[in-house]
């Protein structure tokens, strides 16, 4: 997933949070999809960070 796609997916999840805080409610299907996109982006960033940590530890060994 590209950096642009990650940011875009996080933006969709943020939109759900903002809409909920403003008492505007997206259709449930759309809100669920946006939150899933955000969750996938977060998990991808987690994997990327773990890979970077492993590479750094390997370089120091």
PDB file of N, CA and C in Angstrom:
ATOM      1  N   UNK A   1       0.855  -1.167   0.000  1.00  0.00           N
ATOM      2  CA  UNK A   1       0.000   0.000   0.000  1.00  0.00           C
ATOM      3  C   UNK A   1       0.899   1.228   0.000  1.00  0.00           C
ATOM      4  N   UNK A   2       0.630   2.147  -0.886  1.00  0.00           N
ATOM      5  CA  UNK A   2       1.465   3.345  -0.985  1.00  0.00           C
ATOM      6  C   UNK A   2       1.196   4.294   0.184  1.00  0.00           C
ATOM      7  N   UNK A   3       2.118   5.207   0.399  1.00  0.00           N
ATOM      8  CA  UNK A   3       1.944   6.200   1.462  1.00  0.00           C
ATOM      9  C   UNK A   3       0.689   7.029   1.221  1.00  0.00           C
ATOM     10  N   UNK A   4       0.424   7.347  -0.026  1.00  0.00           N
ATOM     11  CA  UNK A   4      -0.774   8.125  -0.367  1.00  0.00           C
ATOM     12  C   UNK A   4      -2.042   7.348   0.004  1.00  0.00           C
ATOM     13  N   UNK A   5      -2.068   6.065  -0.317  1.00  0.00           N
ATOM     14  CA  UNK A   5      -3.228   5.238   0.000  1.00  0.00           C
ATOM     15  C   UNK A   5      -3.417   5.114   1.513  1.00  0.00           C
ATOM     16  N   UNK A   6      -2.300   4.969   2.245  1.00  0.00           N
ATOM     17  CA  UNK A   6      -2.387   4.906   3.703  1.00  0.00           C
ATOM     18  C   UNK A   6      -3.017   6.175   4.262  1.00  0.00           C
ATOM     19  N   UNK A   7      -2.528   7.316   3.804  1.00  0.00           N
ATOM     20  CA  UNK A   7      -3.046   8.597   4.289  1.00  0.00           C
ATOM     21  C   UNK A   7      -4.521   8.768   3.922  1.00  0.00           C
ATOM     22  N   UNK A   8      -4.865   8.383   2.721  1.00  0.00           N
ATOM     23  CA  UNK A   8      -6.249   8.506   2.277  1.00  0.00           C
ATOM     24  C   UNK A   8      -7.166   7.630   3.133  1.00  0.00           C
ATOM     25  N   UNK A   9      -6.746   6.403   3.415  1.00  0.00           N
ATOM     26  CA  UNK A   9      -7.553   5.494   4.218  1.00  0.00           C
ATOM     27  C   UNK A   9      -7.713   6.004   5.646  1.00  0.00           C
ATOM     28  N   UNK A  10      -6.652   6.563   6.205  1.00  0.00           N
ATOM     29  CA  UNK A  10      -6.760   7.152   7.538  1.00  0.00           C
ATOM     30  C   UNK A  10      -7.706   8.346   7.522  1.00  0.00           C
ATOM     31  N   UNK A  11      -7.677   9.104   6.434  1.00  0.00           N
ATOM     32  CA  UNK A  11      -8.586  10.235   6.286  1.00  0.00           C
ATOM     33  C   UNK A  11     -10.040   9.802   6.273  1.00  0.00           C
ATOM     34  N   UNK A  12     -10.332   8.687   5.625  1.00  0.00           N
ATOM     35  CA  UNK A  12     -11.702   8.177   5.613  1.00  0.00           C
ATOM     36  C   UNK A  12     -12.151   7.823   7.033  1.00  0.00           C
ATOM     37  N   UNK A  13     -11.264   7.167   7.792  1.00  0.00           N
ATOM     38  CA  UNK A  13     -11.609   6.811   9.169  1.00  0.00           C
ATOM     39  C   UNK A  13     -11.801   8.066  10.013  1.00  0.00           C
ATOM     40  N   UNK A  14     -10.973   9.072   9.797  1.00  0.00           N
ATOM     41  CA  UNK A  14     -11.116  10.334  10.530  1.00  0.00           C
ATOM     42  C   UNK A  14     -12.441  11.001  10.191  1.00  0.00           C
ATOM     43  N   UNK A  15     -12.875  10.879   8.955  1.00  0.00           N
ATOM     44  CA  UNK A  15     -14.154  11.474   8.565  1.00  0.00           C
ATOM     45  C   UNK A  15     -15.297  10.875   9.371  1.00  0.00           C
ATOM     46  N   UNK A  16     -15.261   9.565   9.594  1.00  0.00           N
ATOM     47  CA  UNK A  16     -16.297   8.913  10.386  1.00  0.00           C
ATOM     48  C   UNK A  16     -16.293   9.494  11.802  1.00  0.00           C
ATOM     49  N   UNK A  17     -15.115   9.619  12.396  1.00  0.00           N
ATOM     50  CA  UNK A  17     -15.016  10.156  13.755  1.00  0.00           C
ATOM     51  C   UNK A  17     -15.539  11.588  13.826  1.00  0.00           C
ATOM     52  N   UNK A  18     -15.176  12.402  12.854  1.00  0.00           N
ATOM     53  CA  UNK A  18     -15.636  13.792  12.835  1.00  0.00           C
ATOM     54  C   UNK A  18     -17.148  13.858  12.660  1.00  0.00           C
ATOM     55  N   UNK A  19     -17.667  13.066  11.744  1.00  0.00           N
ATOM     56  CA  UNK A  19     -19.109  13.060  11.516  1.00  0.00           C
ATOM     57  C   UNK A  19     -19.863  12.619  12.768  1.00  0.00           C
ATOM     58  N   UNK A  20     -19.354  11.616  13.463  1.00  0.00           N
ATOM     59  CA  UNK A  20     -20.009  11.164  14.684  1.00  0.00           C
ATOM     60  C   UNK A  20     -19.970  12.236  15.763  1.00  0.00           C
ATOM     61  N   UNK A  21     -18.833  12.935  15.887  1.00  0.00           N
ATOM     62  CA  UNK A  21     -18.731  13.972  16.910  1.00  0.00           C
ATOM     63  C   UNK A  21     -19.615  15.172  16.585  1.00  0.00           C
ATOM     64  N   UNK A  22     -19.886  15.401  15.309  1.00  0.00           N
ATOM     65  CA  UNK A  22     -20.770  16.498  14.897  1.00  0.00           C
ATOM     66  C   UNK A  22     -22.228  16.057  14.803  1.00  0.00           C
ATOM     67  N   UNK A  23     -22.499  14.839  15.275  1.00  0.00           N
ATOM     68  CA  UNK A  23     -23.859  14.269  15.254  1.00  0.00           C
ATOM     69  C   UNK A  23     -24.392  14.022  13.852  1.00  0.00           C
ATOM     70  N   UNK A  24     -23.502  14.058  12.861  1.00  0.00           N
ATOM     71  CA  UNK A  24     -23.905  13.664  11.506  1.00  0.00           C
ATOM     72  C   UNK A  24     -23.561  12.196  11.377  1.00  0.00           C
ATOM     73  N   UNK A  25     -24.455  11.438  10.866  1.00  0.00           N
ATOM     74  CA  UNK A  25     -24.226   9.998  10.789  1.00  0.00           C
ATOM     75  C   UNK A  25     -24.199   9.565   9.327  1.00  0.00           C
ATOM     76  N   UNK A  26     -23.078   8.977   8.966  1.00  0.00           N
ATOM     77  CA  UNK A  26     -22.981   8.380   7.636  1.00  0.00           C
ATOM     78  C   UNK A  26     -23.840   7.123   7.606  1.00  0.00           C
ATOM     79  N   UNK A  27     -24.235   6.688   6.437  1.00  0.00           N
ATOM     80  CA  UNK A  27     -24.905   5.383   6.366  1.00  0.00           C
ATOM     81  C   UNK A  27     -23.984   4.313   6.986  1.00  0.00           C
ATOM     82  N   UNK A  28     -24.576   3.375   7.699  1.00  0.00           N
ATOM     83  CA  UNK A  28     -23.786   2.377   8.423  1.00  0.00           C
ATOM     84  C   UNK A  28     -22.792   1.650   7.533  1.00  0.00           C
ATOM     85  N   UNK A  29     -23.213   1.283   6.339  1.00  0.00           N
ATOM     86  CA  UNK A  29     -22.316   0.550   5.445  1.00  0.00           C
ATOM     87  C   UNK A  29     -21.094   1.389   5.089  1.00  0.00           C
ATOM     88  N   UNK A  30     -21.318   2.675   4.834  1.00  0.00           N
ATOM     89  CA  UNK A  30     -20.209   3.559   4.471  1.00  0.00           C
ATOM     90  C   UNK A  30     -19.285   3.764   5.670  1.00  0.00           C
ATOM     91  N   UNK A  31     -19.860   3.990   6.836  1.00  0.00           N
ATOM     92  CA  UNK A  31     -19.038   4.191   8.034  1.00  0.00           C
ATOM     93  C   UNK A  31     -18.195   2.952   8.317  1.00  0.00           C
ATOM     94  N   UNK A  32     -18.801   1.785   8.199  1.00  0.00           N
ATOM     95  CA  UNK A  32     -18.081   0.531   8.448  1.00  0.00           C
ATOM     96  C   UNK A  32     -16.933   0.366   7.454  1.00  0.00           C
ATOM     97  N   UNK A  33     -17.200   0.639   6.187  1.00  0.00           N
ATOM     98  CA  UNK A  33     -16.164   0.510   5.161  1.00  0.00           C
ATOM     99  C   UNK A  33     -15.013   1.484   5.419  1.00  0.00           C
ATOM    100  N   UNK A  34     -15.344   2.730   5.744  1.00  0.00           N
ATOM    101  CA  UNK A  34     -14.306   3.729   6.026  1.00  0.00           C
ATOM    102  C   UNK A  34     -13.466   3.322   7.227  1.00  0.00           C
ATOM    103  N   UNK A  35     -14.112   2.817   8.279  1.00  0.00           N
ATOM    104  CA  UNK A  35     -13.355   2.395   9.459  1.00  0.00           C
ATOM    105  C   UNK A  35     -12.475   1.188   9.150  1.00  0.00           C
ATOM    106  N   UNK A  36     -12.956   0.276   8.330  1.00  0.00           N
ATOM    107  CA  UNK A  36     -12.139  -0.874   7.931  1.00  0.00           C
ATOM    108  C   UNK A  36     -10.926  -0.414   7.127  1.00  0.00           C
ATOM    109  N   UNK A  37     -11.118   0.568   6.265  1.00  0.00           N
ATOM    110  CA  UNK A  37      -9.991   1.093   5.484  1.00  0.00           C
ATOM    111  C   UNK A  37      -8.948   1.705   6.414  1.00  0.00           C
ATOM    112  N   UNK A  38      -9.400   2.440   7.416  1.00  0.00           N
ATOM    113  CA  UNK A  38      -8.480   3.018   8.393  1.00  0.00           C
ATOM    114  C   UNK A  38      -7.748   1.952   9.180  1.00  0.00           C
ATOM    115  N   UNK A  39      -8.471   0.913   9.570  1.00  0.00           N
ATOM    116  CA  UNK A  39      -7.844  -0.178  10.327  1.00  0.00           C
ATOM    117  C   UNK A  39      -6.785  -0.888   9.487  1.00  0.00           C
ATOM    118  N   UNK A  40      -7.094  -1.116   8.212  1.00  0.00           N
ATOM    119  CA  UNK A  40      -6.088  -1.751   7.334  1.00  0.00           C
ATOM    120  C   UNK A  40      -4.851  -0.868   7.191  1.00  0.00           C
ATOM    121  N   UNK A  41      -5.058   0.437   7.095  1.00  0.00           N
ATOM    122  CA  UNK A  41      -3.924   1.352   6.976  1.00  0.00           C
ATOM    123  C   UNK A  41      -3.065   1.311   8.238  1.00  0.00           C
ATOM    124  N   UNK A  42      -3.710   1.301   9.392  1.00  0.00           N
ATOM    125  CA  UNK A  42      -2.964   1.240  10.655  1.00  0.00           C
ATOM    126  C   UNK A  42      -2.183  -0.064  10.746  1.00  0.00           C
ATOM    127  N   UNK A  43      -2.806  -1.179  10.388  1.00  0.00           N
ATOM    128  CA  UNK A  43      -2.108  -2.461  10.442  1.00  0.00           C
ATOM    129  C   UNK A  43      -0.933  -2.492   9.468  1.00  0.00           C
ATOM    130  N   UNK A  44      -1.083  -1.890   8.296  1.00  0.00           N
ATOM    131  CA  UNK A  44       0.018  -1.856   7.333  1.00  0.00           C
ATOM    132  C   UNK A  44       1.173  -1.017   7.882  1.00  0.00           C
ATOM    133  N   UNK A  45       0.853   0.109   8.518  1.00  0.00           N
ATOM    134  CA  UNK A  45       1.911   0.936   9.106  1.00  0.00           C
ATOM    135  C   UNK A  45       2.609   0.179  10.226  1.00  0.00           C
ATOM    136  N   UNK A  46       1.855  -0.602  10.999  1.00  0.00           N
ATOM    137  CA  UNK A  46       2.427  -1.413  12.076  1.00  0.00           C
ATOM    138  C   UNK A  46       3.433  -2.406  11.497  1.00  0.00           C
ATOM    139  N   UNK A  47       3.056  -3.078  10.441  1.00  0.00           N
ATOM    140  CA  UNK A  47       3.945  -4.050   9.782  1.00  0.00           C
ATOM    141  C   UNK A  47       5.194  -3.338   9.267  1.00  0.00           C
ATOM    142  N   UNK A  48       5.017  -2.179   8.655  1.00  0.00           N
ATOM    143  CA  UNK A  48       6.158  -1.426   8.131  1.00  0.00           C
ATOM    144  C   UNK A  48       7.132  -1.047   9.243  1.00  0.00           C
ATOM    145  N   UNK A  49       6.597  -0.616  10.384  1.00  0.00           N
ATOM    146  CA  UNK A  49       7.452  -0.234  11.512  1.00  0.00           C
ATOM    147  C   UNK A  49       8.200  -1.448  12.047  1.00  0.00           C
ATOM    148  N   UNK A  50       7.517  -2.588  12.168  1.00  0.00           N
ATOM    149  CA  UNK A  50       8.185  -3.802  12.641  1.00  0.00           C
ATOM    150  C   UNK A  50       9.301  -4.222  11.694  1.00  0.00           C
ATOM    151  N   UNK A  51       9.055  -4.119  10.394  1.00  0.00           N
ATOM    152  CA  UNK A  51      10.093  -4.468   9.419  1.00  0.00           C
ATOM    153  C   UNK A  51      11.289  -3.532   9.530  1.00  0.00           C
ATOM    154  N   UNK A  52      11.039  -2.263   9.738  1.00  0.00           N
ATOM    155  CA  UNK A  52      12.129  -1.297   9.894  1.00  0.00           C
ATOM    156  C   UNK A  52      12.923  -1.583  11.163  1.00  0.00           C
ATOM    157  N   UNK A  53      12.228  -1.933  12.256  1.00  0.00           N
ATOM    158  CA  UNK A  53      12.928  -2.264  13.493  1.00  0.00           C
ATOM    159  C   UNK A  53      13.802  -3.506  13.319  1.00  0.00           C
ATOM    160  N   UNK A  54      13.276  -4.536  12.659  1.00  0.00           N
ATOM    161  CA  UNK A  54      14.065  -5.746  12.424  1.00  0.00           C
ATOM    162  C   UNK A  54      15.295  -5.447  11.570  1.00  0.00           C
ATOM    163  N   UNK A  55      15.132  -4.642  10.549  1.00  0.00           N
ATOM    164  CA  UNK A  55      16.260  -4.287   9.686  1.00  0.00           C
ATOM    165  C   UNK A  55      17.302  -3.498  10.466  1.00  0.00           C
ATOM    166  N   UNK A  56      16.841  -2.616  11.344  1.00  0.00           N
ATOM    167  CA  UNK A  56      17.773  -1.821  12.132  1.00  0.00           C
ATOM    168  C   UNK A  56      18.537  -2.710  13.128  1.00  0.00           C
ATOM    169  N   UNK A  57      17.816  -3.634  13.777  1.00  0.00           N
ATOM    170  CA  UNK A  57      18.485  -4.551  14.714  1.00  0.00           C
ATOM    171  C   UNK A  57      19.492  -5.424  13.991  1.00  0.00           C
ATOM    172  N   UNK A  58      19.135  -5.878  12.797  1.00  0.00           N
ATOM    173  CA  UNK A  58      20.023  -6.723  12.014  1.00  0.00           C
ATOM    174  C   UNK A  58      21.268  -5.955  11.602  1.00  0.00           C
ATOM    175  N   UNK A  59      21.103  -4.678  11.249  1.00  0.00           N
ATOM    176  CA  UNK A  59      22.246  -3.849  10.835  1.00  0.00           C
ATOM    177  C   UNK A  59      23.190  -3.596  12.019  1.00  0.00           C
ATOM    178  N   UNK A  60      22.636  -3.515  13.224  1.00  0.00           N
ATOM    179  CA  UNK A  60      23.469  -3.264  14.412  1.00  0.00           C
ATOM    180  C   UNK A  60      24.161  -4.518  14.912  1.00  0.00           C
ATOM    181  N   UNK A  61      23.665  -5.689  14.515  1.00  0.00           N
ATOM    182  CA  UNK A  61      24.248  -6.960  14.998  1.00  0.00           C
ATOM    183  C   UNK A  61      25.495  -7.324  14.270  1.00  0.00           C
TER     184      UNK A  61
END
